[in-house]
All heavy atoms as atom14 arrays in JSON, in Angstrom:
{
  "sequence": "WWRVMVVAIAVFSAMATPTGDPLTMGALALPI",
  "atom14_mask": [
    [1, 1, 1, 1, 1, 1, 1, 1, 1, 1, 1, 1, 1, 1],
    [1, 1, 1, 1, 1, 1, 1, 1, 1, 1, 1, 1, 1, 1],
    [1, 1, 1, 1, 1, 1, 1, 1, 1, 1, 1, 0, 0, 0],
    [1, 1, 1, 1, 1, 1, 1, 0, 0, 0, 0, 0, 0, 0],
    [1, 1, 1, 1, 1, 1, 1, 1, 0, 0, 0, 0, 0, 0],
    [1, 1, 1, 1, 1, 1, 1, 0, 0, 0, 0, 0, 0, 0],
    [1, 1, 1, 1, 1, 1, 1, 0, 0, 0, 0, 0, 0, 0],
    [1, 1, 1, 1, 1, 0, 0, 0, 0, 0, 0, 0, 0, 0],
    [1, 1, 1, 1, 1, 1, 1, 1, 0, 0, 0, 0, 0, 0],
    [1, 1, 1, 1, 1, 0, 0, 0, 0, 0, 0, 0, 0, 0],
    [1, 1, 1, 1, 1, 1, 1, 0, 0, 0, 0, 0, 0, 0],
    [1, 1, 1, 1, 1, 1, 1, 1, 1, 1, 1, 0, 0, 0],
    [1, 1, 1, 1, 1, 1, 0, 0, 0, 0, 0, 0, 0, 0],
    [1, 1, 1, 1, 1, 0, 0, 0, 0, 0, 0, 0, 0, 0],
    [1, 1, 1, 1, 1, 1, 1, 1, 0, 0, 0, 0, 0, 0],
    [1, 1, 1, 1, 1, 0, 0, 0, 0, 0, 0, 0, 0, 0],
    [1, 1, 1, 1, 1, 1, 1, 0, 0, 0, 0, 0, 0, 0],
    [1, 1, 1, 1, 1, 1, 1, 0, 0, 0, 0, 0, 0, 0],
    [1, 1, 1, 1, 1, 1, 1, 0, 0, 0, 0, 0, 0, 0],
    [1, 1, 1, 1, 0, 0, 0, 0, 0, 0, 0, 0, 0, 0],
    [1, 1, 1, 1, 1, 1, 1, 1, 0, 0, 0, 0, 0, 0],
    [1, 1, 1, 1, 1, 1, 1, 0, 0, 0, 0, 0, 0, 0],
    [1, 1, 1, 1, 1, 1, 1, 1, 0, 0, 0, 0, 0, 0],
    [1, 1, 1, 1, 1, 1, 1, 0, 0, 0, 0, 0, 0, 0],
    [1, 1, 1, 1, 1, 1, 1, 1, 0, 0, 0, 0, 0, 0],
    [1, 1, 1, 1, 0, 0, 0, 0, 0, 0, 0, 0, 0, 0],
    [1, 1, 1, 1, 1, 0, 0, 0, 0, 0, 0, 0, 0, 0],
    [1, 1, 1, 1, 1, 1, 1, 1, 0, 0, 0, 0, 0, 0],
    [1, 1, 1, 1, 1, 0, 0, 0, 0, 0, 0, 0, 0, 0],
    [1, 1, 1, 1, 1, 1, 1, 1, 0, 0, 0, 0, 0, 0],
    [1, 1, 1, 1, 1, 1, 1, 0, 0, 0, 0, 0, 0, 0],
    [1, 1, 1, 1, 1, 1, 1, 1, 0, 0, 0, 0, 0, 0]
  ],
  "atom14_positions": [
    [[119.37, -55.99, 155.41], [119.55, -55.03, 154.31], [120.07, -53.69, 154.78], [120.12, -52.75, 153.98], [118.22, -54.81, 153.59], [117.64, -56.02, 152.95], [118.27, -57.19, 152.64], [116.27, -56.19, 152.53], [117.4, -58.08, 152.07], [116.16, -57.51, 151.99], [115.14, -55.39, 152.58], [114.96, -58.01, 151.48], [113.95, -55.89, 152.07], [113.87, -57.18, 151.53]],
    [[120.45, -53.52, 156.03], [120.68, -52.18, 156.56], [121.83, -51.47, 155.83], [121.77, -50.25, 155.62], [120.94, -52.25, 158.07], [122.28, -52.78, 158.47], [122.61, -54.06, 158.74], [123.47, -52.01, 158.67], [123.94, -54.16, 159.1], [124.49, -52.91, 159.06], [123.79, -50.65, 158.57], [125.78, -52.5, 159.34], [125.08, -50.24, 158.84], [126.05, -51.15, 159.22]],
    [[122.87, -52.19, 155.43], [123.98, -51.53, 154.73], [123.53, -51.0, 153.37], [123.84, -49.86, 153.0], [125.14, -52.51, 154.56], [125.78, -52.97, 155.86], [126.89, -53.95, 155.6], [127.52, -54.42, 156.83], [127.07, -55.42, 157.57], [125.96, -56.07, 157.19], [127.69, -55.77, 158.68], [0.0, 0.0, 0.0], [0.0, 0.0, 0.0], [0.0, 0.0, 0.0]],
    [[122.8, -51.83, 152.64], [122.32, -51.4, 151.32], [121.33, -50.25, 151.47], [121.34, -49.29, 150.67], [121.67, -52.59, 150.59], [121.1, -52.17, 149.25], [122.68, -53.72, 150.4], [0.0, 0.0, 0.0], [0.0, 0.0, 0.0], [0.0, 0.0, 0.0], [0.0, 0.0, 0.0], [0.0, 0.0, 0.0], [0.0, 0.0, 0.0], [0.0, 0.0, 0.0]],
    [[120.49, -50.3, 152.48], [119.49, -49.25, 152.67], [120.14, -47.93, 153.06], [119.7, -46.86, 152.6], [118.49, -49.68, 153.74], [117.56, -50.8, 153.3], [116.55, -50.37, 151.87], [115.62, -48.98, 152.51], [0.0, 0.0, 0.0], [0.0, 0.0, 0.0], [0.0, 0.0, 0.0], [0.0, 0.0, 0.0], [0.0, 0.0, 0.0], [0.0, 0.0, 0.0]],
    [[121.17, -47.96, 153.88], [121.85, -46.72, 154.25], [122.47, -46.06, 153.02], [122.36, -44.84, 152.82], [122.91, -47.0, 155.33], [123.81, -45.79, 155.54], [122.24, -47.38, 156.65], [0.0, 0.0, 0.0], [0.0, 0.0, 0.0], [0.0, 0.0, 0.0], [0.0, 0.0, 0.0], [0.0, 0.0, 0.0], [0.0, 0.0, 0.0], [0.0, 0.0, 0.0]],
    [[123.11, -46.87, 152.18], [123.68, -46.31, 150.94], [122.59, -45.79, 150.03], [122.71, -44.71, 149.43], [124.54, -47.38, 150.24], [125.04, -46.87, 148.89], [125.72, -47.78, 151.12], [0.0, 0.0, 0.0], [0.0, 0.0, 0.0], [0.0, 0.0, 0.0], [0.0, 0.0, 0.0], [0.0, 0.0, 0.0], [0.0, 0.0, 0.0], [0.0, 0.0, 0.0]],
    [[121.49, -46.54, 149.9], [120.39, -46.11, 149.04], [119.76, -44.82, 149.55], [119.4, -43.93, 148.75], [119.35, -47.22, 148.95], [0.0, 0.0, 0.0], [0.0, 0.0, 0.0], [0.0, 0.0, 0.0], [0.0, 0.0, 0.0], [0.0, 0.0, 0.0], [0.0, 0.0, 0.0], [0.0, 0.0, 0.0], [0.0, 0.0, 0.0], [0.0, 0.0, 0.0]],
    [[119.62, -44.68, 150.86], [119.05, -43.46, 151.43], [119.97, -42.27, 151.18], [119.51, -41.16, 150.86], [118.79, -43.66, 152.94], [117.64, -44.64, 153.15], [118.48, -42.33, 153.62], [117.44, -45.05, 154.59], [0.0, 0.0, 0.0], [0.0, 0.0, 0.0], [0.0, 0.0, 0.0], [0.0, 0.0, 0.0], [0.0, 0.0, 0.0], [0.0, 0.0, 0.0]],
    [[121.29, -42.5, 151.3], [122.24, -41.41, 151.02], [122.17, -40.97, 149.56], [122.18, -39.77, 149.26], [123.65, -41.86, 151.39], [0.0, 0.0, 0.0], [0.0, 0.0, 0.0], [0.0, 0.0, 0.0], [0.0, 0.0, 0.0], [0.0, 0.0, 0.0], [0.0, 0.0, 0.0], [0.0, 0.0, 0.0], [0.0, 0.0, 0.0], [0.0, 0.0, 0.0]],
    [[122.1, -41.94, 148.64], [122.0, -41.6, 147.22], [120.68, -40.88, 146.93], [120.63, -39.9, 146.18], [122.13, -42.87, 146.36], [121.88, -42.57, 144.89], [123.51, -43.48, 146.54], [0.0, 0.0, 0.0], [0.0, 0.0, 0.0], [0.0, 0.0, 0.0], [0.0, 0.0, 0.0], [0.0, 0.0, 0.0], [0.0, 0.0, 0.0], [0.0, 0.0, 0.0]],
    [[119.59, -41.37, 147.53], [118.3, -40.72, 147.33], [118.31, -39.29, 147.86], [117.78, -38.38, 147.21], [117.21, -41.53, 148.04], [115.89, -40.82, 148.15], [115.04, -40.74, 147.06], [115.51, -40.22, 149.34], [113.84, -40.08, 147.16], [114.3, -39.56, 149.45], [113.47, -39.49, 148.35], [0.0, 0.0, 0.0], [0.0, 0.0, 0.0], [0.0, 0.0, 0.0]],
    [[118.92, -39.07, 149.0], [118.99, -37.72, 149.57], [119.79, -36.79, 148.67], [119.43, -35.62, 148.49], [119.59, -37.77, 150.97], [118.85, -38.62, 151.81], [0.0, 0.0, 0.0], [0.0, 0.0, 0.0], [0.0, 0.0, 0.0], [0.0, 0.0, 0.0], [0.0, 0.0, 0.0], [0.0, 0.0, 0.0], [0.0, 0.0, 0.0], [0.0, 0.0, 0.0]],
    [[120.88, -37.3, 148.08], [121.68, -36.47, 147.2], [120.93, -36.1, 145.93], [121.08, -34.99, 145.4], [122.98, -37.2, 146.84], [0.0, 0.0, 0.0], [0.0, 0.0, 0.0], [0.0, 0.0, 0.0], [0.0, 0.0, 0.0], [0.0, 0.0, 0.0], [0.0, 0.0, 0.0], [0.0, 0.0, 0.0], [0.0, 0.0, 0.0], [0.0, 0.0, 0.0]],
    [[120.1, -37.02, 145.42], [119.37, -36.75, 144.19], [118.09, -35.97, 144.42], [117.65, -35.22, 143.54], [119.04, -38.08, 143.49], [120.25, -38.89, 143.08], [119.79, -40.48, 142.34], [118.81, -39.95, 140.95], [0.0, 0.0, 0.0], [0.0, 0.0, 0.0], [0.0, 0.0, 0.0], [0.0, 0.0, 0.0], [0.0, 0.0, 0.0], [0.0, 0.0, 0.0]],
    [[117.49, -36.12, 145.59], [116.17, -35.53, 145.82], [116.24, -34.08, 146.3], [115.34, -33.29, 146.02], [115.38, -36.37, 146.83], [0.0, 0.0, 0.0], [0.0, 0.0, 0.0], [0.0, 0.0, 0.0], [0.0, 0.0, 0.0], [0.0, 0.0, 0.0], [0.0, 0.0, 0.0], [0.0, 0.0, 0.0], [0.0, 0.0, 0.0], [0.0, 0.0, 0.0]],
    [[117.26, -33.73, 147.06], [117.34, -32.37, 147.58], [117.66, -31.39, 146.46], [118.66, -31.56, 145.76], [118.41, -32.27, 148.68], [119.63, -32.83, 148.18], [117.98, -33.05, 149.91], [0.0, 0.0, 0.0], [0.0, 0.0, 0.0], [0.0, 0.0, 0.0], [0.0, 0.0, 0.0], [0.0, 0.0, 0.0], [0.0, 0.0, 0.0], [0.0, 0.0, 0.0]],
    [[116.86, -30.36, 146.27], [117.09, -29.43, 145.16], [118.3, -28.54, 145.36], [118.91, -28.09, 144.4], [115.8, -28.61, 145.11], [115.25, -28.68, 146.49], [115.64, -30.03, 147.02], [0.0, 0.0, 0.0], [0.0, 0.0, 0.0], [0.0, 0.0, 0.0], [0.0, 0.0, 0.0], [0.0, 0.0, 0.0], [0.0, 0.0, 0.0], [0.0, 0.0, 0.0]],
    [[118.67, -28.26, 146.62], [119.81, -27.37, 146.85], [121.14, -28.06, 146.6], [122.1, -27.44, 146.15], [119.77, -26.84, 148.28], [119.76, -27.95, 149.2], [118.53, -25.99, 148.51], [0.0, 0.0, 0.0], [0.0, 0.0, 0.0], [0.0, 0.0, 0.0], [0.0, 0.0, 0.0], [0.0, 0.0, 0.0], [0.0, 0.0, 0.0], [0.0, 0.0, 0.0]],
    [[121.23, -29.36, 146.91], [122.44, -30.11, 146.65], [123.55, -29.9, 147.66], [124.64, -30.46, 147.48], [0.0, 0.0, 0.0], [0.0, 0.0, 0.0], [0.0, 0.0, 0.0], [0.0, 0.0, 0.0], [0.0, 0.0, 0.0], [0.0, 0.0, 0.0], [0.0, 0.0, 0.0], [0.0, 0.0, 0.0], [0.0, 0.0, 0.0], [0.0, 0.0, 0.0]],
    [[123.32, -29.15, 148.71], [124.37, -28.93, 149.7], [124.41, -30.08, 150.69], [123.39, -30.73, 150.95], [124.13, -27.61, 150.43], [122.8, -27.61, 151.17], [121.75, -27.6, 150.49], [122.79, -27.64, 152.41], [0.0, 0.0, 0.0], [0.0, 0.0, 0.0], [0.0, 0.0, 0.0], [0.0, 0.0, 0.0], [0.0, 0.0, 0.0], [0.0, 0.0, 0.0]],
    [[125.58, -30.37, 151.27], [125.69, -31.5, 152.21], [124.82, -31.35, 153.44], [124.38, -32.35, 154.0], [127.18, -31.5, 152.57], [127.87, -30.8, 151.45], [126.89, -29.76, 150.99], [0.0, 0.0, 0.0], [0.0, 0.0, 0.0], [0.0, 0.0, 0.0], [0.0, 0.0, 0.0], [0.0, 0.0, 0.0], [0.0, 0.0, 0.0], [0.0, 0.0, 0.0]],
    [[124.58, -30.11, 153.89], [123.77, -29.92, 155.09], [122.34, -30.42, 154.87], [121.79, -31.15, 155.71], [123.76, -28.44, 155.47], [122.91, -28.06, 156.69], [123.44, -28.77, 157.93], [122.9, -26.56, 156.89], [0.0, 0.0, 0.0], [0.0, 0.0, 0.0], [0.0, 0.0, 0.0], [0.0, 0.0, 0.0], [0.0, 0.0, 0.0], [0.0, 0.0, 0.0]],
    [[121.73, -30.04, 153.75], [120.37, -30.47, 153.47], [120.31, -31.97, 153.24], [119.37, -32.66, 153.66], [119.82, -29.72, 152.25], [119.99, -28.33, 152.44], [118.35, -30.03, 152.05], [0.0, 0.0, 0.0], [0.0, 0.0, 0.0], [0.0, 0.0, 0.0], [0.0, 0.0, 0.0], [0.0, 0.0, 0.0], [0.0, 0.0, 0.0], [0.0, 0.0, 0.0]],
    [[121.31, -32.51, 152.55], [121.36, -33.96, 152.32], [121.45, -34.72, 153.64], [120.75, -35.72, 153.84], [122.55, -34.29, 151.43], [122.44, -33.76, 150.01], [124.04, -33.77, 149.14], [124.61, -35.43, 149.46], [0.0, 0.0, 0.0], [0.0, 0.0, 0.0], [0.0, 0.0, 0.0], [0.0, 0.0, 0.0], [0.0, 0.0, 0.0], [0.0, 0.0, 0.0]],
    [[122.3, -34.26, 154.54], [122.42, -34.92, 155.83], [121.16, -34.78, 156.67], [120.78, -35.71, 157.38], [0.0, 0.0, 0.0], [0.0, 0.0, 0.0], [0.0, 0.0, 0.0], [0.0, 0.0, 0.0], [0.0, 0.0, 0.0], [0.0, 0.0, 0.0], [0.0, 0.0, 0.0], [0.0, 0.0, 0.0], [0.0, 0.0, 0.0], [0.0, 0.0, 0.0]],
    [[120.52, -33.6, 156.59], [119.29, -33.39, 157.35], [118.16, -34.29, 156.87], [117.26, -34.62, 157.64], [118.86, -31.92, 157.24], [0.0, 0.0, 0.0], [0.0, 0.0, 0.0], [0.0, 0.0, 0.0], [0.0, 0.0, 0.0], [0.0, 0.0, 0.0], [0.0, 0.0, 0.0], [0.0, 0.0, 0.0], [0.0, 0.0, 0.0], [0.0, 0.0, 0.0]],
    [[118.2, -34.7, 155.61], [117.19, -35.62, 155.1], [117.59, -37.07, 155.35], [116.73, -37.89, 155.72], [116.99, -35.39, 153.59], [116.03, -36.35, 152.88], [114.64, -36.26, 153.48], [115.99, -36.04, 151.39], [0.0, 0.0, 0.0], [0.0, 0.0, 0.0], [0.0, 0.0, 0.0], [0.0, 0.0, 0.0], [0.0, 0.0, 0.0], [0.0, 0.0, 0.0]],
    [[118.87, -37.41, 155.16], [119.29, -38.81, 155.25], [119.28, -39.33, 156.68], [118.83, -40.45, 156.94], [120.68, -38.97, 154.65], [0.0, 0.0, 0.0], [0.0, 0.0, 0.0], [0.0, 0.0, 0.0], [0.0, 0.0, 0.0], [0.0, 0.0, 0.0], [0.0, 0.0, 0.0], [0.0, 0.0, 0.0], [0.0, 0.0, 0.0], [0.0, 0.0, 0.0]],
    [[119.75, -38.53, 157.65], [119.86, -39.01, 159.02], [118.51, -39.39, 159.63], [118.37, -40.49, 160.19], [120.57, -37.96, 159.88], [120.79, -38.34, 161.35], [121.63, -39.6, 161.45], [121.45, -37.19, 162.1], [0.0, 0.0, 0.0], [0.0, 0.0, 0.0], [0.0, 0.0, 0.0], [0.0, 0.0, 0.0], [0.0, 0.0, 0.0], [0.0, 0.0, 0.0]],
    [[117.47, -38.55, 159.54], [116.18, -38.98, 160.1], [115.6, -40.22, 159.43], [114.99, -41.06, 160.08], [115.27, -37.76, 159.89], [116.19, -36.61, 159.72], [117.4, -37.17, 159.05], [0.0, 0.0, 0.0], [0.0, 0.0, 0.0], [0.0, 0.0, 0.0], [0.0, 0.0, 0.0], [0.0, 0.0, 0.0], [0.0, 0.0, 0.0], [0.0, 0.0, 0.0]],
    [[115.8, -40.35, 158.09], [115.26, -41.52, 157.4], [115.96, -42.79, 157.87], [115.32, -43.84, 158.04], [115.41, -41.35, 155.88], [114.62, -40.14, 155.41], [114.91, -42.59, 155.15], [114.74, -39.87, 153.93], [0.0, 0.0, 0.0], [0.0, 0.0, 0.0], [0.0, 0.0, 0.0], [0.0, 0.0, 0.0], [0.0, 0.0, 0.0], [0.0, 0.0, 0.0]]
  ]
}
C-alpha cells in the first residue's frame, strides 16, 4: 500500500495544516 499511503499522507498534510504553506505540509508529511 505504500504508494496509496504516501498520496494519502500528502493529502492529509495539506488539509490538516492550518497555515497551508508547503513548508509546514512537507514538515508534517515527510516524518509520517
